[in-house]
Amino acid sequence: MLTKQWARSFIIRPDDIDVIQGLLLERETPLSIDEIARLLIDKRLQEEQAALAAEFRGVRLYRPVETFSIGDRLVFPRLDFAMAEVVELRAGKSPELPPFSVIRVAFDDGTRREFASALTASHRLNDESGDLALRSGEPLTTDAILSVGREDIEFQIDEALNANSDFVRLSGRWFSRALMLDIDDGHLHLADAVLDMAQGGPLTAPEILEQIGGLGAGSQSLQEFCLNDALNNDARFDEVGPLDTVLWFLKRDEPAEVQQTPEILRYVPLPHNESVLSDEQRSLEVDIDDEWSMLDDQELSASELVRLILIYPHRRAGTLPLTARMRGIFPTARRSPRIALRLIDGQDGEEYSGWVVREGRYVYGLSALYRKHKLPVGALVTVRREPDTDKVIVDFQAHRPRSEYVRLIVSKNGQISFEDSKRAIGAEYDDLMILGADDLAFVDGLFQTHQSGRKTLNGILRNLLTELSRANPQGAVHAKTLYSALNVLRRCPPGVMLATLMSEPDFAYVGNHYWRLGSA
């Protein structure tokens, strides 16, 4: 209880800022927020211990077995550590007890009471601890305080340091601005050249320092901190490291698809009413797990392996969706809008340079892998992190290629249509979402036409239902098939599509996730 009370009552004081500044000046090395919090709490506990010791200096702990004299100052743990002075002594009388004394004490609040002393008979108060610092019987430690109040305490420290221009923060570590090393244009030009020779990067600050000959003064950790700060304030450099790792890349050498979201992946939010979705439809949306779906964490199960269905926009752009589930696989440090990593082909171990683009919600760098294995739209892809590394393994269930019927996108008077055609497929896929296209230029043109915004989502869905239903005697199309085809023409998450189908009279639900035109 005392630990929680201590943590809740923690408030940054003006003198704490001076203490932190002094620590940084003394150590001459950047400190993490956890290190600063521990040092502050340690200091507070030491101060409280010293104040408590001063308060009880010359004060004796009352225990019946002890012998006291007039004028002695006593403390009574069982009376909330109240203090009193011995004012009288007399002999005690009890036929059931060995000889003992009685002391009369005057408490600081003016009340007087009598207590036994020199009592050799067994008594529970004789077992009281002699440690006056443990006033509640609960030891206060830095670890215990942080275990219950870390978030609030560290937030307060961060806020206070952020508001003070005397401190510099980078990658979760703080340092005194007064001790920052001077980094001139020459150092930055050398860093640029080092990264350029490394095809843009990524490289760590120690790797860059080693090649430019260091900064001439200061400890290694101080040089790294100051270089990181300088690179962070120069538009030529991009910090692309995952959580707890600082990596640098030349922005001019980053792929264009990393600097700017490919048009085919951009989702322009559309107005829709999610409340019309049934539990069944909501479950389907969770199952599809589109990166633009608004899913609650409670609807998702954490996993070290994520299985997803490859839709056309990601197959065309060579990307993976950064879905709610995938964010548990890929590093998504908030400080870095772009994160560099290694993507591993689970089939043959080949490595690819990959990028997590948080704002666009995608992972770039898989075009070569998709082409190598001829993965179709609708392929079932698995993603998992390689233990104890920053590498992510992208895999699929491969088999000997066999000829199978695939829903092929074709031109019908310049508009989208579909026909079944045989293709050699060597990977497991979702037969409701598989798509193929021989004329990519035609498909790209369709996408550009539909990006103009002149065609409403309702109109696009009507056209797709008309074309897709031709292969079904009942004239019905599964929602997953419709979702897969819709994303060839316009990026749209399933919830928005389903809400439109539910809200418009042009569409009729026939059960089991199948839809047809309302006029059919």
Protein backbone atom coordinates (compact mmCIF):
# COMPACT_ATOMS: atom_id res chain seq x y z
CA MET A 1 0.00 0.00 0.00
CA LEU A 2 2.77 2.45 0.94
CA THR A 3 4.56 1.75 -2.36
CA LYS A 4 1.45 2.64 -4.38
CA GLN A 5 0.87 5.77 -2.31
CA TRP A 6 4.47 6.84 -2.82
CA ALA A 7 4.26 6.30 -6.59
CA ARG A 8 0.92 8.13 -6.90
CA SER A 9 2.18 11.12 -4.94
CA PHE A 10 5.36 11.49 -7.04
CA ILE A 11 5.60 14.98 -8.55
CA ILE A 12 8.55 16.50 -10.37
CA ARG A 13 9.96 19.37 -8.31
CA PRO A 14 12.08 22.29 -9.64
CA ASP A 15 15.10 20.97 -7.75
CA ASP A 16 14.72 17.61 -9.57
CA ILE A 17 15.67 19.33 -12.83
CA ASP A 18 18.85 20.60 -11.17
CA VAL A 19 19.56 17.09 -9.91
CA ILE A 20 19.17 15.63 -13.42
CA GLN A 21 21.38 18.33 -14.90
CA GLY A 22 23.99 17.61 -12.26
CA LEU A 23 23.88 13.88 -12.98
CA LEU A 24 24.38 14.46 -16.70
CA LEU A 25 27.23 16.89 -16.11
CA GLU A 26 28.88 14.47 -13.66
CA ARG A 27 28.56 11.37 -15.83
CA GLU A 28 29.08 13.10 -19.21
CA THR A 29 26.96 10.43 -20.88
CA PRO A 30 23.34 10.41 -22.14
CA LEU A 31 20.86 8.66 -19.86
CA SER A 32 17.64 6.80 -20.67
CA ILE A 33 14.39 7.85 -19.04
CA ASP A 34 14.48 4.66 -16.98
CA GLU A 35 17.98 5.48 -15.68
CA ILE A 36 16.91 9.03 -14.81
CA ALA A 37 13.77 7.79 -13.03
CA ARG A 38 15.80 5.32 -10.98
CA LEU A 39 18.35 7.93 -9.98
CA LEU A 40 15.64 10.39 -8.95
CA ILE A 41 13.73 7.80 -6.92
CA ASP A 42 16.93 6.57 -5.27
CA LYS A 43 17.73 10.15 -4.25
CA ARG A 44 14.22 10.74 -2.89
CA LEU A 45 14.33 7.53 -0.84
CA GLN A 46 17.74 8.43 0.55
CA GLU A 47 16.46 11.87 1.53
CA GLU A 48 13.42 10.38 3.23
CA GLN A 49 15.59 7.85 5.04
CA ALA A 50 17.87 10.63 6.24
CA ALA A 51 14.91 12.77 7.36
CA LEU A 52 13.43 9.80 9.19
CA ALA A 53 16.74 9.06 10.88
CA ALA A 54 17.00 12.71 11.97
CA GLU A 55 13.43 12.65 13.26
CA PHE A 56 14.15 9.57 15.40
CA ARG A 57 17.69 10.52 16.44
CA GLY A 58 17.99 9.85 20.17
CA VAL A 59 14.58 8.16 20.21
CA ARG A 60 14.24 4.63 21.57
CA LEU A 61 11.77 2.05 20.34
CA TYR A 62 9.31 1.09 23.06
CA ARG A 63 9.43 -2.62 23.96
CA PRO A 64 8.23 -3.97 27.33
CA VAL A 65 11.49 -5.83 27.91
CA GLU A 66 13.55 -2.61 27.81
CA THR A 67 14.49 -0.51 30.85
CA PHE A 68 13.92 3.25 30.58
CA SER A 69 14.84 6.39 32.53
CA ILE A 70 13.04 9.68 33.12
CA GLY A 71 13.66 11.96 30.17
CA ASP A 72 14.01 9.16 27.57
CA ARG A 73 12.24 9.81 24.26
CA LEU A 74 10.27 6.77 23.03
CA VAL A 75 8.44 5.85 19.84
CA PHE A 76 5.46 3.46 19.79
CA PRO A 77 5.09 1.58 16.43
CA ARG A 78 1.68 0.14 17.39
CA LEU A 79 0.38 3.70 18.03
CA ASP A 80 1.19 4.92 14.53
CA PHE A 81 4.75 5.74 15.59
CA ALA A 82 3.61 8.34 18.11
CA MET A 83 6.44 9.78 20.25
CA ALA A 84 6.47 10.48 24.00
CA GLU A 85 8.82 11.33 26.89
CA VAL A 86 9.20 9.28 30.09
CA VAL A 87 8.04 11.49 33.02
CA GLU A 88 7.62 9.03 35.93
CA LEU A 89 8.89 5.63 37.09
CA ARG A 90 7.43 3.23 39.67
CA ALA A 91 7.45 -0.45 40.56
CA GLY A 92 4.88 -2.68 38.94
CA LYS A 93 2.68 -5.04 40.92
CA SER A 94 1.27 -8.32 39.61
CA PRO A 95 1.32 -11.73 41.39
CA GLU A 96 1.28 -13.46 38.02
CA LEU A 97 4.38 -11.72 36.67
CA PRO A 98 8.03 -11.51 37.67
CA PRO A 99 9.19 -8.13 39.00
CA PHE A 100 8.81 -5.27 36.47
CA SER A 101 8.52 -1.48 36.32
CA VAL A 102 5.87 0.94 35.08
CA ILE A 103 6.73 4.07 33.14
CA ARG A 104 4.44 7.05 32.74
CA VAL A 105 4.93 8.90 29.45
CA ALA A 106 3.71 12.22 28.06
CA PHE A 107 2.88 12.07 24.34
CA ASP A 108 3.56 15.03 22.07
CA ASP A 109 -0.19 15.67 21.81
CA GLY A 110 -0.38 16.16 25.61
CA THR A 111 -1.95 12.82 26.57
CA ARG A 112 -0.36 10.62 29.23
CA ARG A 113 -0.33 6.83 29.54
CA GLU A 114 1.42 4.09 31.49
CA PHE A 115 3.34 1.14 30.06
CA ALA A 116 5.29 -1.80 31.45
CA SER A 117 9.08 -1.82 31.31
CA ALA A 118 11.85 -4.20 32.39
CA LEU A 119 9.31 -6.97 31.76
CA THR A 120 11.12 -10.26 31.24
CA ALA A 121 7.94 -12.25 30.68
CA SER A 122 7.04 -13.11 27.08
CA HIS A 123 5.20 -10.28 25.27
CA ARG A 124 4.39 -9.84 21.56
CA LEU A 125 5.61 -6.22 21.54
CA ASN A 126 9.10 -7.45 22.38
CA ASP A 127 9.23 -8.76 18.77
CA GLU A 128 8.81 -5.28 17.22
CA SER A 129 11.46 -4.49 14.63
CA GLY A 130 14.18 -2.13 15.66
CA ASP A 131 14.23 -0.57 12.16
CA LEU A 132 12.41 2.72 12.56
CA ALA A 133 12.59 3.36 8.82
CA LEU A 134 10.04 0.62 8.17
CA ARG A 135 7.23 2.62 9.69
CA SER A 136 4.52 0.65 7.84
CA GLY A 137 6.32 -2.68 7.85
CA GLU A 138 6.64 -2.41 4.01
CA PRO A 139 10.09 -1.75 2.55
CA LEU A 140 10.22 1.01 -0.08
CA THR A 141 12.52 0.17 -3.00
CA THR A 142 13.07 1.76 -6.39
CA ASP A 143 12.13 -1.46 -8.21
CA ALA A 144 8.89 -1.78 -6.24
CA ILE A 145 7.94 1.86 -6.91
CA LEU A 146 8.63 1.56 -10.64
CA SER A 147 6.68 -1.68 -10.86
CA VAL A 148 3.49 0.15 -9.87
CA GLY A 149 4.13 3.70 -11.13
CA ARG A 150 6.67 3.57 -13.96
CA GLU A 151 4.42 4.98 -16.69
CA ASP A 152 3.27 8.02 -14.74
CA ILE A 153 6.66 8.78 -13.19
CA GLU A 154 8.55 8.53 -16.48
CA PHE A 155 5.86 10.56 -18.26
CA GLN A 156 6.29 13.37 -15.73
CA ILE A 157 10.07 13.35 -16.14
CA ASP A 158 9.79 13.35 -19.94
CA GLU A 159 7.33 16.25 -19.87
CA ALA A 160 9.54 18.30 -17.56
CA LEU A 161 12.67 17.74 -19.64
CA ASN A 162 10.81 18.40 -22.90
CA ALA A 163 9.75 21.78 -21.53
CA ASN A 164 13.36 22.71 -20.68
CA SER A 165 15.63 23.87 -23.50
CA ASP A 166 18.72 22.87 -21.51
CA PHE A 167 18.14 19.21 -22.42
CA VAL A 168 18.36 17.24 -25.65
CA ARG A 169 16.41 14.03 -26.29
CA LEU A 170 17.16 11.42 -28.93
CA SER A 171 15.98 7.83 -29.23
CA GLY A 172 14.75 7.75 -25.65
CA ARG A 173 17.95 9.15 -24.12
CA TRP A 174 18.52 12.58 -22.57
CA PHE A 175 21.61 14.73 -22.37
CA SER A 176 22.65 18.23 -21.31
CA ARG A 177 22.81 20.70 -24.19
CA ALA A 178 25.79 22.34 -22.49
CA LEU A 179 27.88 19.20 -23.04
CA MET A 180 26.95 18.59 -26.69
CA LEU A 181 29.95 18.30 -29.00
CA ASP A 182 30.24 20.66 -31.95
CA ILE A 183 29.55 18.89 -35.24
CA ASP A 184 30.35 21.00 -38.30
CA ASP A 185 29.41 20.67 -41.97
CA GLY A 186 32.60 18.74 -42.61
CA HIS A 187 31.51 15.93 -40.30
CA LEU A 188 28.07 15.82 -41.95
CA HIS A 189 29.54 15.75 -45.46
CA LEU A 190 31.74 12.84 -44.42
CA ALA A 191 28.72 11.02 -42.97
CA ASP A 192 26.91 11.60 -46.27
CA ALA A 193 29.83 10.10 -48.20
CA VAL A 194 30.07 7.08 -45.89
CA LEU A 195 26.36 6.30 -46.34
CA ASP A 196 26.60 6.90 -50.08
CA MET A 197 29.34 4.27 -50.33
CA ALA A 198 27.03 1.90 -48.42
CA GLN A 199 24.31 2.34 -51.10
CA GLY A 200 22.49 4.71 -48.81
CA GLY A 201 22.68 2.56 -45.66
CA PRO A 202 21.50 1.63 -43.19
CA LEU A 203 24.42 2.21 -40.85
CA THR A 204 24.67 2.86 -37.11
CA ALA A 205 26.34 5.91 -35.59
CA PRO A 206 29.34 3.80 -34.39
CA GLU A 207 29.84 2.51 -37.95
CA ILE A 208 29.78 6.04 -39.35
CA LEU A 209 32.08 7.37 -36.61
CA GLU A 210 34.61 4.64 -37.27
CA GLN A 211 34.85 5.61 -40.94
CA ILE A 212 34.99 9.38 -40.42
CA GLY A 213 37.59 9.12 -37.65
CA GLY A 214 35.37 10.12 -34.73
CA LEU A 215 34.56 13.61 -33.50
CA GLY A 216 37.85 14.23 -31.76
CA ALA A 217 36.66 14.43 -28.16
CA GLY A 218 34.29 12.90 -25.68
CA SER A 219 33.43 9.33 -24.81
CA GLN A 220 32.19 6.92 -27.46
CA SER A 221 28.61 7.09 -26.17
CA LEU A 222 28.72 10.91 -26.18
CA GLN A 223 30.06 11.01 -29.74
CA GLU A 224 27.32 8.62 -30.87
CA PHE A 225 24.62 10.70 -29.19
CA CYS A 226 25.85 13.97 -30.67
CA LEU A 227 26.24 12.50 -34.15
CA ASN A 228 22.74 11.01 -33.97
CA ASP A 229 21.37 14.40 -32.93
CA ALA A 230 23.15 16.20 -35.78
CA LEU A 231 22.00 13.67 -38.39
CA ASN A 232 18.47 13.89 -37.02
CA ASN A 233 18.47 17.64 -37.68
CA ASP A 234 19.80 17.36 -41.23
CA ALA A 235 17.23 16.75 -44.00
CA ARG A 236 19.64 14.54 -45.94
CA PHE A 237 19.46 11.74 -43.39
CA ASP A 238 16.59 9.48 -42.35
CA GLU A 239 16.48 7.54 -39.07
CA VAL A 240 15.16 4.12 -40.07
CA GLY A 241 15.95 1.88 -37.09
CA PRO A 242 13.43 -0.27 -35.23
CA LEU A 243 12.72 0.16 -31.52
CA ASP A 244 15.92 0.61 -29.43
CA THR A 245 18.11 0.69 -32.57
CA VAL A 246 19.25 3.85 -34.37
CA LEU A 247 20.03 3.32 -38.06
CA TRP A 248 20.72 5.98 -40.70
CA PHE A 249 19.88 6.08 -44.40
CA LEU A 250 20.30 8.71 -47.09
CA LYS A 251 16.83 9.91 -48.05
CA ARG A 252 17.84 10.40 -51.68
CA ASP A 253 18.74 6.70 -51.91
CA GLU A 254 15.47 5.39 -50.44
CA PRO A 255 13.07 3.80 -52.94
CA ALA A 256 10.45 6.21 -54.30
CA GLU A 257 7.78 3.78 -53.10
CA VAL A 258 9.06 4.28 -49.55
CA GLN A 259 9.22 8.06 -49.71
CA GLN A 260 5.72 8.26 -51.18
CA THR A 261 2.89 5.72 -50.92
CA PRO A 262 2.21 4.05 -54.29
CA GLU A 263 -1.07 5.32 -55.70
CA ILE A 264 -2.51 1.83 -55.89
CA LEU A 265 -2.19 1.46 -52.09
CA ARG A 266 -3.78 4.79 -51.15
CA TYR A 267 -7.14 4.62 -49.46
CA VAL A 268 -9.32 7.73 -49.49
CA PRO A 269 -11.82 7.26 -46.63
CA LEU A 270 -15.42 6.97 -47.76
CA PRO A 271 -18.45 7.84 -45.61
CA HIS A 272 -20.26 4.73 -44.40
CA ASN A 273 -22.37 3.47 -41.52
CA GLU A 274 -20.59 0.65 -39.69
CA SER A 275 -23.58 0.09 -37.39
CA VAL A 276 -25.44 -1.71 -40.20
CA LEU A 277 -22.93 -4.57 -40.17
CA SER A 278 -24.07 -7.83 -38.59
CA ASP A 279 -21.87 -9.92 -36.30
CA GLU A 280 -21.38 -12.30 -39.22
CA GLN A 281 -20.12 -9.52 -41.47
CA ARG A 282 -17.95 -8.10 -38.74
CA SER A 283 -16.39 -11.53 -38.32
CA LEU A 284 -15.65 -11.64 -42.05
CA GLU A 285 -13.94 -8.25 -41.84
CA VAL A 286 -11.77 -9.49 -38.96
CA ASP A 287 -10.92 -12.62 -40.97
CA ILE A 288 -9.82 -10.59 -44.01
CA ASP A 289 -7.81 -8.20 -41.76
CA ASP A 290 -7.40 -5.32 -44.21
CA GLU A 291 -4.88 -2.71 -43.04
CA TRP A 292 -7.52 0.03 -43.32
CA SER A 293 -10.16 -1.81 -41.30
CA MET A 294 -10.92 -0.24 -37.92
CA LEU A 295 -10.61 -3.30 -35.70
CA ASP A 296 -10.53 -3.41 -31.91
CA ASP A 297 -7.58 -5.15 -30.25
CA GLN A 298 -10.09 -7.45 -28.54
CA GLU A 299 -11.14 -8.76 -31.94
CA LEU A 300 -7.61 -9.93 -32.76
CA SER A 301 -5.51 -12.70 -31.31
CA ALA A 302 -1.78 -12.11 -30.83
CA SER A 303 0.40 -14.53 -32.75
CA GLU A 304 4.02 -15.01 -33.68
CA LEU A 305 2.88 -16.04 -37.17
CA VAL A 306 0.36 -14.16 -39.32
CA ARG A 307 -1.43 -15.65 -42.30
CA LEU A 308 -2.90 -13.30 -44.89
CA ILE A 309 -4.42 -13.29 -48.35
CA LEU A 310 -2.53 -11.34 -50.99
CA ILE A 311 -4.83 -8.82 -52.72
CA TYR A 312 -4.17 -7.11 -56.06
CA PRO A 313 -2.83 -3.72 -54.84
CA HIS A 314 -0.12 -5.38 -52.73
CA ARG A 315 0.73 -7.95 -55.41
CA ARG A 316 1.14 -5.15 -57.96
CA ALA A 317 3.15 -2.88 -55.65
CA GLY A 318 5.32 -5.67 -54.18
CA THR A 319 4.15 -4.97 -50.65
CA LEU A 320 2.52 -6.55 -47.61
CA PRO A 321 -0.29 -4.90 -45.66
CA LEU A 322 0.65 -3.54 -42.24
CA THR A 323 -2.53 -4.82 -40.67
CA ALA A 324 -3.50 -4.84 -37.01
CA ARG A 325 -2.10 -8.37 -36.68
CA MET A 326 1.04 -7.61 -38.70
CA ARG A 327 2.00 -4.75 -36.39
CA GLY A 328 2.91 -7.44 -33.86
CA ILE A 329 5.39 -8.93 -36.34
CA PHE A 330 7.03 -5.84 -37.79
CA PRO A 331 8.91 -3.17 -35.83
CA THR A 332 6.81 0.02 -35.73
CA ALA A 333 8.80 2.39 -33.51
CA ARG A 334 6.84 5.62 -33.27
CA ARG A 335 9.87 7.82 -33.75
CA SER A 336 10.55 6.51 -37.28
CA PRO A 337 8.06 6.93 -40.14
CA ARG A 338 10.15 4.51 -42.19
CA ILE A 339 11.95 1.47 -40.81
CA ALA A 340 14.54 -0.58 -42.71
CA LEU A 341 14.73 -4.34 -42.21
CA ARG A 342 15.61 -7.61 -43.93
CA LEU A 343 12.90 -9.72 -45.55
CA ILE A 344 13.71 -13.43 -45.93
CA ASP A 345 12.24 -15.73 -48.58
CA GLY A 346 10.96 -18.69 -46.55
CA GLN A 347 11.35 -21.00 -49.55
CA ASP A 348 15.05 -20.54 -50.35
CA GLY A 349 16.44 -18.12 -47.73
CA GLU A 350 17.17 -15.28 -50.16
CA GLU A 351 17.28 -11.89 -48.44
CA TYR A 352 15.67 -8.67 -49.63
CA SER A 353 15.87 -5.10 -48.40
CA GLY A 354 12.53 -4.24 -46.86
CA TRP A 355 10.85 -1.14 -45.49
CA VAL A 356 8.04 -0.64 -43.02
CA VAL A 357 6.11 2.51 -43.97
CA ARG A 358 3.92 3.27 -40.97
CA GLU A 359 1.85 6.12 -42.38
CA GLY A 360 0.96 4.19 -45.55
CA ARG A 361 0.42 0.96 -43.57
CA TYR A 362 2.50 -1.28 -45.80
CA VAL A 363 5.79 -3.17 -45.98
CA TYR A 364 7.73 -2.61 -49.20
CA GLY A 365 10.35 -4.78 -50.91
CA LEU A 366 8.70 -8.01 -52.13
CA SER A 367 8.24 -7.54 -55.88
CA ALA A 368 11.18 -9.81 -56.70
CA LEU A 369 9.91 -12.55 -54.36
CA TYR A 370 6.40 -12.42 -55.83
CA ARG A 371 7.72 -12.58 -59.40
CA LYS A 372 10.20 -15.36 -58.63
CA HIS A 373 7.51 -17.65 -57.28
CA LYS A 374 4.73 -16.35 -59.59
CA LEU A 375 2.41 -15.84 -56.64
CA PRO A 376 -1.15 -15.05 -57.74
CA VAL A 377 -3.56 -12.54 -56.27
CA GLY A 378 -5.31 -14.55 -53.55
CA ALA A 379 -2.17 -16.45 -52.52
CA LEU A 380 -2.01 -17.46 -48.85
CA VAL A 381 1.12 -15.84 -47.39
CA THR A 382 2.59 -16.41 -43.92
CA VAL A 383 4.77 -13.90 -42.10
CA ARG A 384 6.85 -14.48 -38.99
CA ARG A 385 9.81 -12.87 -37.24
CA GLU A 386 13.11 -14.73 -37.05
CA PRO A 387 13.90 -15.06 -33.31
CA ASP A 388 16.43 -12.61 -31.84
CA THR A 389 16.93 -10.71 -35.14
CA ASP A 390 15.33 -7.90 -37.09
CA LYS A 391 14.65 -10.30 -39.97
CA VAL A 392 11.11 -11.20 -41.04
CA ILE A 393 10.39 -14.41 -42.95
CA VAL A 394 7.80 -14.29 -45.74
CA ASP A 395 6.60 -17.71 -46.83
CA PHE A 396 3.77 -19.64 -48.48
CA GLN A 397 2.68 -23.24 -48.92
CA ALA A 398 4.35 -24.29 -52.16
CA HIS A 399 3.51 -27.32 -54.29
CA ARG A 400 4.36 -28.58 -57.76
CA PRO A 401 2.71 -26.18 -60.24
CA ARG A 402 -0.57 -27.54 -61.54
CA SER A 403 -3.01 -26.22 -64.08
CA GLU A 404 -6.09 -24.71 -62.43
CA TYR A 405 -8.92 -22.44 -63.47
CA VAL A 406 -8.32 -18.85 -62.43
CA ARG A 407 -10.67 -15.86 -62.59
CA LEU A 408 -8.95 -13.69 -65.20
CA ILE A 409 -9.47 -9.92 -65.60
CA VAL A 410 -10.19 -9.17 -69.27
CA SER A 411 -11.39 -6.21 -71.34
CA LYS A 412 -14.99 -6.01 -72.52
CA ASN A 413 -15.43 -2.94 -74.68
CA GLY A 414 -12.74 -1.29 -72.64
CA GLN A 415 -14.41 -2.14 -69.32
CA ILE A 416 -13.59 -4.77 -66.73
CA SER A 417 -14.91 -8.27 -67.18
CA PHE A 418 -13.91 -11.74 -66.03
CA GLU A 419 -13.44 -15.14 -67.59
CA ASP A 420 -12.14 -18.45 -66.25
CA SER A 421 -8.84 -19.50 -67.75
CA LYS A 422 -6.29 -22.19 -66.91
CA ARG A 423 -3.05 -21.13 -65.31
CA ALA A 424 -0.17 -22.99 -63.66
CA ILE A 425 -0.33 -22.32 -59.90
CA GLY A 426 2.39 -23.44 -57.47
CA ALA A 427 1.09 -22.02 -54.21
CA GLU A 428 -1.92 -22.46 -51.94
CA TYR A 429 -4.55 -19.77 -52.44
CA ASP A 430 -8.05 -18.68 -51.45
CA ASP A 431 -10.26 -19.74 -54.37
CA LEU A 432 -12.76 -16.99 -53.55
CA MET A 433 -10.13 -14.24 -53.95
CA ILE A 434 -7.77 -15.52 -56.64
CA LEU A 435 -7.44 -13.24 -59.67
CA GLY A 436 -5.20 -13.14 -62.71
CA ALA A 437 -4.42 -10.61 -65.43
CA ASP A 438 -2.45 -10.93 -68.66
CA ASP A 439 -2.77 -7.28 -69.73
CA LEU A 440 -1.41 -5.29 -66.79
CA ALA A 441 -1.44 -2.07 -68.81
CA PHE A 442 -5.21 -2.46 -69.26
CA VAL A 443 -5.70 -3.13 -65.55
CA ASP A 444 -3.52 -0.14 -64.61
CA GLY A 445 -5.64 1.98 -66.94
CA LEU A 446 -8.82 0.76 -65.23
CA PHE A 447 -7.40 1.76 -61.87
CA GLN A 448 -6.49 5.24 -63.10
CA THR A 449 -9.97 5.69 -64.56
CA HIS A 450 -11.63 4.78 -61.27
CA GLN A 451 -9.29 7.05 -59.28
CA SER A 452 -10.92 10.07 -60.87
CA GLY A 453 -13.78 9.72 -58.37
CA ARG A 454 -16.51 10.15 -60.96
CA LYS A 455 -17.72 6.61 -60.36
CA THR A 456 -19.39 6.05 -57.00
CA LEU A 457 -18.68 2.97 -54.90
CA ASN A 458 -22.29 1.95 -55.47
CA GLY A 459 -21.82 2.12 -59.24
CA ILE A 460 -18.55 0.19 -59.15
CA LEU A 461 -20.10 -2.58 -57.03
CA ARG A 462 -23.12 -2.82 -59.36
CA ASN A 463 -20.83 -3.27 -62.35
CA LEU A 464 -18.64 -5.85 -60.58
CA LEU A 465 -21.65 -7.87 -59.37
CA THR A 466 -23.02 -7.89 -62.92
CA GLU A 467 -19.77 -9.21 -64.38
CA LEU A 468 -18.80 -11.62 -61.60
CA SER A 469 -22.27 -13.18 -61.35
CA ARG A 470 -22.23 -14.37 -64.96
CA ALA A 471 -20.33 -17.48 -63.89
CA ASN A 472 -22.91 -18.32 -61.19
CA PRO A 473 -26.37 -19.60 -62.24
CA GLN A 474 -27.86 -18.08 -59.06
CA GLY A 475 -26.36 -14.71 -59.95
CA ALA A 476 -24.74 -14.40 -56.51
CA VAL A 477 -21.17 -13.42 -55.62
CA HIS A 478 -19.29 -14.04 -52.38
CA ALA A 479 -18.24 -10.91 -50.45
CA LYS A 480 -14.57 -11.97 -50.50
CA THR A 481 -14.66 -12.30 -54.30
CA LEU A 482 -16.28 -8.89 -54.60
CA TYR A 483 -13.72 -7.38 -52.18
CA SER A 484 -10.80 -8.84 -54.16
CA ALA A 485 -12.16 -7.50 -57.48
CA LEU A 486 -13.12 -4.10 -56.04
CA ASN A 487 -9.53 -3.50 -54.92
CA VAL A 488 -8.33 -3.86 -58.48
CA LEU A 489 -10.27 -0.68 -59.29
CA ARG A 490 -10.26 1.26 -56.01
CA ARG A 491 -8.55 0.70 -52.66
CA CYS A 492 -11.33 -0.06 -50.20
CA PRO A 493 -11.48 -2.06 -46.92
CA PRO A 494 -14.18 -4.75 -46.58
CA GLY A 495 -16.16 -2.95 -43.87
CA VAL A 496 -16.83 0.03 -46.14
CA MET A 497 -17.85 -2.28 -48.99
CA LEU A 498 -20.17 -4.33 -46.77
CA ALA A 499 -21.76 -1.23 -45.26
CA THR A 500 -22.50 0.05 -48.78
CA LEU A 501 -24.04 -3.28 -49.77
CA MET A 502 -26.19 -3.26 -46.64
CA SER A 503 -27.31 0.36 -47.00
CA GLU A 504 -28.18 0.51 -50.70
CA PRO A 505 -31.38 -1.03 -52.15
CA ASP A 506 -29.48 -2.00 -55.31
CA PHE A 507 -28.02 -5.02 -53.49
CA ALA A 508 -29.62 -8.07 -51.89
CA TYR A 509 -28.04 -10.39 -49.31
CA VAL A 510 -28.80 -14.07 -49.95
CA GLY A 511 -26.94 -15.55 -46.95
CA ASN A 512 -23.55 -17.13 -46.21
CA HIS A 513 -21.75 -13.94 -47.34
CA TYR A 514 -23.27 -14.07 -50.87
CA TRP A 515 -24.74 -11.03 -52.62
CA ARG A 516 -26.67 -10.33 -55.81
CA LEU A 517 -28.16 -7.30 -57.47
CA GLY A 518 -31.43 -6.24 -55.88
CA SER A 519 -33.19 -6.09 -59.22
CA ALA A 520 -32.22 -9.64 -60.15
